[in-house]
Amino acid sequence: MFGAVLMMASGAGIVGSKMLIASATDAITQGKLIADEDADQVTGKSLDGPINMLLLGVDVRPDWDINDTRADTIIVLHIPASHDQAYLVSIPRDTELTSPAFPSSQWPGGTTKATEVFFHGAQHGAGWDGGAQLMAKTVKQNTGISFDGAAIIDFGGFKGVIEELGGVRMCVDQEVKSAHMYWVDGKPLYKADARKLGRLQEPVVHKKGCRTMKAWEALDFARQRYGLKNGDYDRQRHQQQLLKAMAKKATDGGVMSNPLKLKGLMQAAGKAFTLDTGGVDLADFIFTLRGVAANDLVLLRTNSGTFSGNSAGREVFNPESQAMFEAIKNDRLAEFVIQNPSVVAREK
């Protein structure tokens, strides 16, 4: 997920040749995340017109069953036909969606939560490619948005990237206690690991304010949803904020203008990053998006940044979000944002 955002900015820094870009990004694993019939073949193949990518974040740990994977982060990345701007729109993990049948995983189709779509698509050997393909089909069916490509990154893959960057600057807007980690002997540990030691455990608390965070701290903060005013919606904002902070740090730190530094960063991301550019050569894809820089990332809120329920109390897209998806589909998102400024997340 970050890799997709990072690569957009990389084209702006490496102006020498596509060969340099190809060398810097050869660590990226490429997969079949978008089925041919679901890809926007015209814009995806020619790199003319708007570009939409599906970005998926999964949380996998060594002792977890890989077949039990869900997509905790679902983001639509929209780049208008001008290729000089980028928008991030999160789809809430608990949104009720109608998902089509997917023979590859023996999923018969039905109503399910957004986070569970990936799981249904990955069963019976379909794997992460199947999970992403079903997610793309489902998002398209519910929003009308077709995708030119997709990316998946394991949250653990972020750790090496942020360490390579030397940390990232994040602003905590509300104090929150970690639901995942404890301090033990001055070291942050996952709760399960901390309990095994049988020593004094102190809560990890993310205090309000702006500061440079280490990798573990930034990732843990971006994972929190319990104890926040707007729950998962605040988590979505914080994850978008982290993406922007990472891309900005890479740009401001001179990584993008240095092929060796960029290669090191991509190698860190590549360990847990899978990309599908819809059949377009990766170097061509990046080179086309060289006008998009980290400062151009616009973070947008779904459902006005708070829970939107139907008569049954299930989470759905409100009319404003449905109109925003329609604007993405028709490449009129900039106009929509001007008319609806409240959808912009004003993150520092």
Protein backbone atom coordinates (compact mmCIF):
# COMPACT_ATOMS: atom_id res chain seq x y z
CA MET A 1 0.00 0.00 0.00
CA PHE A 2 2.68 2.51 0.94
CA GLY A 3 4.78 1.13 -1.89
CA ALA A 4 2.15 2.25 -4.39
CA VAL A 5 2.12 5.76 -2.93
CA LEU A 6 5.92 5.80 -2.69
CA MET A 7 6.32 4.78 -6.31
CA MET A 8 4.11 7.62 -7.47
CA ALA A 9 6.49 10.07 -5.90
CA SER A 10 9.58 8.21 -7.08
CA GLY A 11 8.97 9.18 -10.68
CA ALA A 12 9.23 12.83 -9.66
CA GLY A 13 12.70 12.38 -8.19
CA ILE A 14 14.35 10.01 -10.63
CA VAL A 15 14.34 11.97 -13.84
CA GLY A 16 17.24 10.24 -15.55
CA SER A 17 15.62 7.27 -17.26
CA LYS A 18 13.16 4.44 -16.91
CA MET A 19 16.15 2.13 -16.49
CA LEU A 20 17.00 3.82 -13.18
CA ILE A 21 13.42 3.39 -12.01
CA ALA A 22 13.40 -0.26 -13.03
CA SER A 23 16.63 -0.85 -11.11
CA ALA A 24 15.26 0.81 -8.00
CA THR A 25 12.02 -1.17 -8.01
CA ASP A 26 13.16 -4.65 -9.00
CA ALA A 27 12.45 -5.92 -5.47
CA ILE A 28 8.70 -5.44 -5.88
CA THR A 29 6.67 -8.63 -6.25
CA GLN A 30 4.07 -8.43 -9.00
CA GLY A 31 0.88 -10.46 -8.82
CA LYS A 32 -2.51 -10.85 -10.51
CA LEU A 33 -4.62 -8.81 -8.10
CA ILE A 34 -7.14 -7.51 -10.63
CA ALA A 35 -8.99 -9.91 -12.94
CA ASP A 36 -8.84 -8.90 -16.60
CA GLU A 37 -12.59 -8.44 -16.85
CA ASP A 38 -12.55 -6.02 -13.89
CA ALA A 39 -9.64 -3.84 -14.98
CA ASP A 40 -10.23 -0.51 -16.68
CA GLN A 41 -8.48 -1.71 -19.80
CA VAL A 42 -8.35 1.61 -21.66
CA THR A 43 -6.81 3.83 -18.98
CA GLY A 44 -4.81 0.99 -17.49
CA LYS A 45 -3.12 -0.06 -20.71
CA SER A 46 -2.47 3.34 -22.22
CA LEU A 47 -1.83 5.28 -18.98
CA ASP A 48 -3.98 8.02 -20.45
CA GLY A 49 -6.91 9.36 -18.47
CA PRO A 50 -7.67 8.80 -14.78
CA ILE A 51 -6.09 5.95 -12.79
CA ASN A 52 -7.76 4.12 -9.92
CA MET A 53 -5.89 1.68 -7.69
CA LEU A 54 -7.16 -0.56 -4.91
CA LEU A 55 -4.81 -0.51 -1.90
CA LEU A 56 -5.20 -3.28 0.69
CA GLY A 57 -3.48 -3.59 4.05
CA VAL A 58 -3.41 -6.95 5.83
CA ASP A 59 -2.20 -7.77 9.32
CA VAL A 60 -0.34 -11.09 9.44
CA ARG A 61 1.88 -12.33 12.26
CA PRO A 62 4.13 -15.39 12.39
CA ASP A 63 1.78 -17.48 14.55
CA TRP A 64 -1.36 -16.66 12.55
CA ASP A 65 -2.94 -18.87 9.85
CA ILE A 66 -2.33 -17.09 6.53
CA ASN A 67 -5.67 -18.46 5.24
CA ASP A 68 -7.45 -16.51 7.97
CA THR A 69 -6.33 -13.15 6.56
CA ARG A 70 -8.70 -10.20 6.34
CA ALA A 71 -8.15 -6.77 4.79
CA ASP A 72 -8.18 -4.33 7.68
CA THR A 73 -7.31 -1.41 5.43
CA ILE A 74 -9.15 -0.77 2.15
CA ILE A 75 -8.26 2.41 0.25
CA VAL A 76 -9.20 3.70 -3.19
CA LEU A 77 -6.33 5.70 -4.70
CA HIS A 78 -7.64 8.05 -7.40
CA ILE A 79 -5.37 9.96 -9.78
CA PRO A 80 -7.16 12.30 -12.22
CA ALA A 81 -6.40 12.40 -15.94
CA SER A 82 -3.99 15.30 -15.35
CA HIS A 83 -1.73 12.90 -13.36
CA ASP A 84 -0.71 15.74 -11.02
CA GLN A 85 -2.81 14.94 -7.95
CA ALA A 86 -3.66 11.92 -5.83
CA TYR A 87 -6.62 11.25 -3.53
CA LEU A 88 -6.95 8.57 -0.85
CA VAL A 89 -10.47 7.40 0.07
CA SER A 90 -10.90 4.74 2.77
CA ILE A 91 -13.68 2.16 2.77
CA PRO A 92 -14.71 1.37 6.38
CA ARG A 93 -13.84 -2.22 7.29
CA ASP A 94 -17.32 -3.00 8.67
CA THR A 95 -19.29 -1.62 5.71
CA GLU A 96 -21.97 -4.06 4.57
CA LEU A 97 -21.35 -4.95 0.93
CA THR A 98 -22.94 -7.25 -1.63
CA SER A 99 -20.20 -9.54 -2.90
CA PRO A 100 -20.51 -11.50 -6.17
CA ALA A 101 -19.84 -15.21 -6.53
CA PHE A 102 -16.18 -16.12 -6.97
CA PRO A 103 -15.64 -19.69 -8.27
CA SER A 104 -11.86 -19.62 -7.67
CA SER A 105 -12.43 -19.67 -3.90
CA GLN A 106 -15.83 -21.42 -3.98
CA TRP A 107 -17.46 -18.28 -2.55
CA PRO A 108 -21.16 -18.40 -3.55
CA GLY A 109 -21.64 -14.67 -3.15
CA GLY A 110 -23.72 -12.81 -0.59
CA THR A 111 -23.80 -9.95 1.88
CA THR A 112 -20.70 -9.54 4.02
CA LYS A 113 -18.49 -6.96 5.73
CA ALA A 114 -15.82 -5.26 3.64
CA THR A 115 -13.01 -6.66 5.79
CA GLU A 116 -14.28 -10.23 5.23
CA VAL A 117 -14.40 -10.01 1.42
CA PHE A 118 -10.64 -10.64 1.18
CA PHE A 119 -11.00 -13.74 3.38
CA HIS A 120 -13.79 -15.17 1.21
CA GLY A 121 -11.75 -14.63 -1.96
CA ALA A 122 -8.59 -16.25 -0.59
CA GLN A 123 -10.07 -19.65 0.37
CA HIS A 124 -9.46 -23.05 -1.30
CA GLY A 125 -6.06 -22.14 -2.67
CA ALA A 126 -7.05 -18.83 -4.32
CA GLY A 127 -4.62 -17.04 -1.99
CA TRP A 128 -4.02 -13.31 -1.67
CA ASP A 129 -4.46 -12.84 -5.43
CA GLY A 130 -7.96 -14.28 -5.08
CA GLY A 131 -8.68 -12.14 -2.05
CA ALA A 132 -7.71 -8.98 -3.93
CA GLN A 133 -9.61 -9.99 -7.07
CA LEU A 134 -12.82 -10.56 -5.12
CA MET A 135 -12.33 -7.28 -3.28
CA ALA A 136 -11.95 -5.42 -6.58
CA LYS A 137 -15.09 -7.08 -7.96
CA THR A 138 -17.02 -6.27 -4.78
CA VAL A 139 -15.95 -2.63 -4.56
CA LYS A 140 -16.78 -2.19 -8.24
CA GLN A 141 -20.22 -3.73 -7.76
CA ASN A 142 -21.00 -1.44 -4.80
CA THR A 143 -19.41 1.82 -5.97
CA GLY A 144 -19.14 1.57 -9.76
CA ILE A 145 -15.36 2.17 -9.62
CA SER A 146 -13.19 0.10 -11.95
CA PHE A 147 -9.53 -0.42 -11.11
CA ASP A 148 -6.37 -0.14 -13.19
CA GLY A 149 -4.24 -1.89 -10.59
CA ALA A 150 -3.96 -2.94 -6.98
CA ALA A 151 -1.45 -3.38 -4.17
CA ILE A 152 -1.29 -5.45 -0.99
CA ILE A 153 1.10 -4.91 1.88
CA ASP A 154 1.41 -6.77 5.15
CA PHE A 155 1.47 -4.28 8.03
CA GLY A 156 4.66 -5.93 9.20
CA GLY A 157 6.24 -4.78 5.95
CA PHE A 158 5.81 -1.19 7.06
CA LYS A 159 8.23 -1.67 9.93
CA GLY A 160 11.30 -2.11 7.74
CA VAL A 161 10.28 0.80 5.52
CA ILE A 162 9.85 3.24 8.41
CA GLU A 163 13.11 2.07 9.96
CA GLU A 164 14.81 2.69 6.61
CA LEU A 165 13.31 6.20 6.65
CA GLY A 166 14.58 6.84 10.18
CA GLY A 167 11.08 7.28 11.60
CA VAL A 168 8.18 9.49 10.52
CA ARG A 169 6.58 12.62 11.94
CA MET A 170 3.04 11.98 13.16
CA CYS A 171 0.52 14.17 15.01
CA VAL A 172 -1.65 12.44 17.62
CA ASP A 173 -4.99 14.27 17.80
CA GLN A 174 -6.45 12.34 20.76
CA GLU A 175 -4.78 10.30 23.48
CA VAL A 176 -5.33 6.57 23.11
CA LYS A 177 -4.14 3.49 24.99
CA SER A 178 -2.81 0.72 22.79
CA ALA A 179 -5.05 -2.32 22.45
CA HIS A 180 -2.11 -4.34 21.15
CA MET A 181 1.08 -3.56 23.06
CA TYR A 182 2.62 -3.25 26.54
CA TRP A 183 5.88 -1.85 27.85
CA VAL A 184 7.98 -4.59 29.51
CA ASP A 185 11.40 -3.65 30.90
CA GLY A 186 11.37 -0.53 28.75
CA LYS A 187 10.62 -2.42 25.52
CA PRO A 188 7.33 -2.40 23.57
CA LEU A 189 5.94 -5.92 23.08
CA TYR A 190 2.75 -7.38 21.68
CA LYS A 191 0.45 -8.34 24.54
CA ALA A 192 0.71 -12.08 23.85
CA ASP A 193 4.53 -11.89 24.00
CA ALA A 194 4.47 -9.67 27.06
CA ARG A 195 2.25 -12.06 29.00
CA LYS A 196 4.57 -14.98 28.32
CA LEU A 197 7.38 -13.21 30.21
CA GLY A 198 5.35 -12.88 33.40
CA ARG A 199 6.90 -9.49 34.22
CA LEU A 200 5.45 -6.10 35.06
CA GLN A 201 3.45 -4.74 32.15
CA GLU A 202 2.86 -1.04 31.57
CA PRO A 203 0.30 0.20 29.05
CA VAL A 204 1.52 1.86 25.86
CA VAL A 205 -0.24 5.22 25.64
CA HIS A 206 -0.07 7.50 22.61
CA LYS A 207 -0.10 11.06 23.96
CA LYS A 208 -1.44 14.07 22.05
CA GLY A 209 1.08 16.12 20.10
CA CYS A 210 3.35 16.04 17.05
CA ARG A 211 6.65 14.14 17.08
CA THR A 212 8.91 11.83 15.10
CA MET A 213 7.82 8.27 15.81
CA LYS A 214 9.84 5.10 15.55
CA ALA A 215 8.47 2.35 13.32
CA TRP A 216 6.74 0.34 16.05
CA GLU A 217 5.12 3.47 17.54
CA ALA A 218 3.79 4.84 14.24
CA LEU A 219 2.40 1.44 13.24
CA ASP A 220 0.79 0.82 16.61
CA PHE A 221 -0.83 4.27 16.65
CA ALA A 222 -2.19 3.78 13.13
CA ARG A 223 -3.71 0.42 14.14
CA GLN A 224 -5.79 1.75 17.04
CA ARG A 225 -9.57 2.00 16.77
CA TYR A 226 -10.83 1.17 20.26
CA GLY A 227 -10.93 4.18 22.58
CA LEU A 228 -11.06 6.70 19.74
CA LYS A 229 -14.00 9.09 19.39
CA ASN A 230 -15.01 7.82 15.97
CA GLY A 231 -13.54 4.32 16.21
CA ASP A 232 -12.54 2.85 12.85
CA TYR A 233 -13.11 6.18 11.07
CA ASP A 234 -10.39 7.79 13.18
CA ARG A 235 -8.18 4.80 12.48
CA GLN A 236 -8.76 5.30 8.74
CA ARG A 237 -7.62 8.92 9.08
CA HIS A 238 -4.53 7.91 11.00
CA GLN A 239 -3.61 5.26 8.42
CA GLN A 240 -3.98 7.78 5.61
CA GLN A 241 -1.92 10.20 7.71
CA LEU A 242 0.81 7.57 8.07
CA LEU A 243 0.91 6.94 4.32
CA LYS A 244 1.31 10.65 3.66
CA ALA A 245 3.95 11.01 6.39
CA MET A 246 6.00 8.16 4.92
CA ALA A 247 5.82 9.51 1.38
CA LYS A 248 6.66 13.02 2.59
CA LYS A 249 9.64 11.79 4.62
CA ALA A 250 10.95 9.88 1.61
CA THR A 251 10.55 12.93 -0.63
CA ASP A 252 11.97 15.51 1.80
CA GLY A 253 14.81 13.20 2.81
CA GLY A 254 16.19 13.03 -0.72
CA VAL A 255 15.37 9.35 -1.14
CA MET A 256 13.50 9.93 -4.39
CA SER A 257 16.44 11.65 -6.07
CA ASN A 258 18.90 8.96 -5.05
CA PRO A 259 18.48 5.60 -6.86
CA LEU A 260 20.53 3.74 -4.24
CA LYS A 261 18.45 5.07 -1.33
CA LEU A 262 15.24 4.39 -3.22
CA LYS A 263 16.38 0.85 -3.99
CA GLY A 264 17.04 0.23 -0.28
CA LEU A 265 13.61 1.55 0.59
CA MET A 266 11.91 -0.52 -2.07
CA GLN A 267 13.77 -3.62 -0.92
CA ALA A 268 12.43 -3.02 2.58
CA ALA A 269 8.90 -2.64 1.22
CA GLY A 270 9.27 -5.46 -1.28
CA LYS A 271 9.51 -8.11 1.42
CA ALA A 272 5.79 -7.72 2.08
CA PHE A 273 4.51 -5.79 -0.92
CA THR A 274 2.66 -7.16 -3.95
CA LEU A 275 1.66 -4.97 -6.89
CA ASP A 276 -0.48 -5.32 -10.01
CA THR A 277 -0.20 -2.49 -12.55
CA GLY A 278 -2.76 -3.97 -14.91
CA GLY A 279 -0.28 -5.22 -17.46
CA VAL A 280 1.58 -1.90 -17.73
CA ASP A 281 5.36 -2.03 -17.40
CA LEU A 282 6.26 -0.96 -13.86
CA ALA A 283 8.80 1.62 -14.98
CA ASP A 284 6.29 3.11 -17.44
CA PHE A 285 3.67 3.22 -14.69
CA ILE A 286 5.96 5.10 -12.30
CA PHE A 287 7.35 7.41 -14.96
CA THR A 288 3.82 8.42 -15.99
CA LEU A 289 3.03 9.46 -12.42
CA ARG A 290 6.16 11.51 -11.85
CA GLY A 291 4.04 14.66 -11.41
CA VAL A 292 2.44 13.29 -8.25
CA ALA A 293 4.44 14.19 -5.12
CA ALA A 294 3.80 13.47 -1.45
CA ASN A 295 2.48 16.97 -0.79
CA ASP A 296 -0.22 16.40 -3.40
CA LEU A 297 -1.86 13.54 -1.48
CA VAL A 298 -5.38 14.62 -0.50
CA LEU A 299 -6.96 12.58 2.30
CA LEU A 300 -10.75 12.20 2.03
CA ARG A 301 -13.27 11.06 4.63
CA THR A 302 -16.04 8.52 4.01
CA ASN A 303 -19.42 9.00 5.74
CA SER A 304 -18.36 12.39 7.14
CA GLY A 305 -15.83 10.59 9.32
CA THR A 306 -18.35 8.86 11.56
CA PHE A 307 -20.59 5.77 11.67
CA SER A 308 -23.39 5.68 9.09
CA GLY A 309 -25.99 2.98 9.72
CA ASN A 310 -29.09 1.75 7.92
CA SER A 311 -32.45 0.86 9.51
CA ALA A 312 -30.98 -2.46 10.65
CA GLY A 313 -28.02 -0.74 12.32
CA ARG A 314 -25.52 -2.02 9.75
CA GLU A 315 -22.80 0.21 8.37
CA VAL A 316 -23.45 1.59 4.87
CA PHE A 317 -22.30 4.45 2.63
CA ASN A 318 -24.22 7.67 3.19
CA PRO A 319 -25.51 9.72 0.20
CA GLU A 320 -22.48 12.04 0.28
CA SER A 321 -20.07 9.11 0.03
CA GLN A 322 -22.10 7.55 -2.78
CA ALA A 323 -21.84 10.86 -4.65
CA MET A 324 -18.08 10.92 -3.97
CA PHE A 325 -17.68 7.44 -5.50
CA GLU A 326 -19.69 8.58 -8.52
CA ALA A 327 -17.32 11.55 -8.86
CA ILE A 328 -14.34 9.18 -8.79
CA LYS A 329 -15.95 7.00 -11.44
CA ASN A 330 -16.48 10.03 -13.70
CA ASP A 331 -13.11 11.68 -12.88
CA ARG A 332 -14.82 14.73 -11.36
CA LEU A 333 -13.48 14.32 -7.85
CA ALA A 334 -11.70 17.69 -7.75
CA GLU A 335 -14.98 19.42 -8.56
CA PHE A 336 -16.77 17.35 -5.93
CA VAL A 337 -14.22 18.27 -3.25
CA ILE A 338 -14.59 21.98 -4.02
CA GLN A 339 -18.36 21.66 -3.64
CA ASN A 340 -18.08 19.45 -0.53
CA PRO A 341 -14.98 20.67 1.39
CA SER A 342 -16.03 18.83 4.56
CA VAL A 343 -14.92 15.51 3.02
CA VAL A 344 -11.26 16.57 3.26
CA ALA A 345 -9.44 15.25 6.34
CA ARG A 346 -7.36 18.14 7.65
CA GLU A 347 -4.44 16.09 8.95
CA LYS A 348 -1.15 17.70 9.95
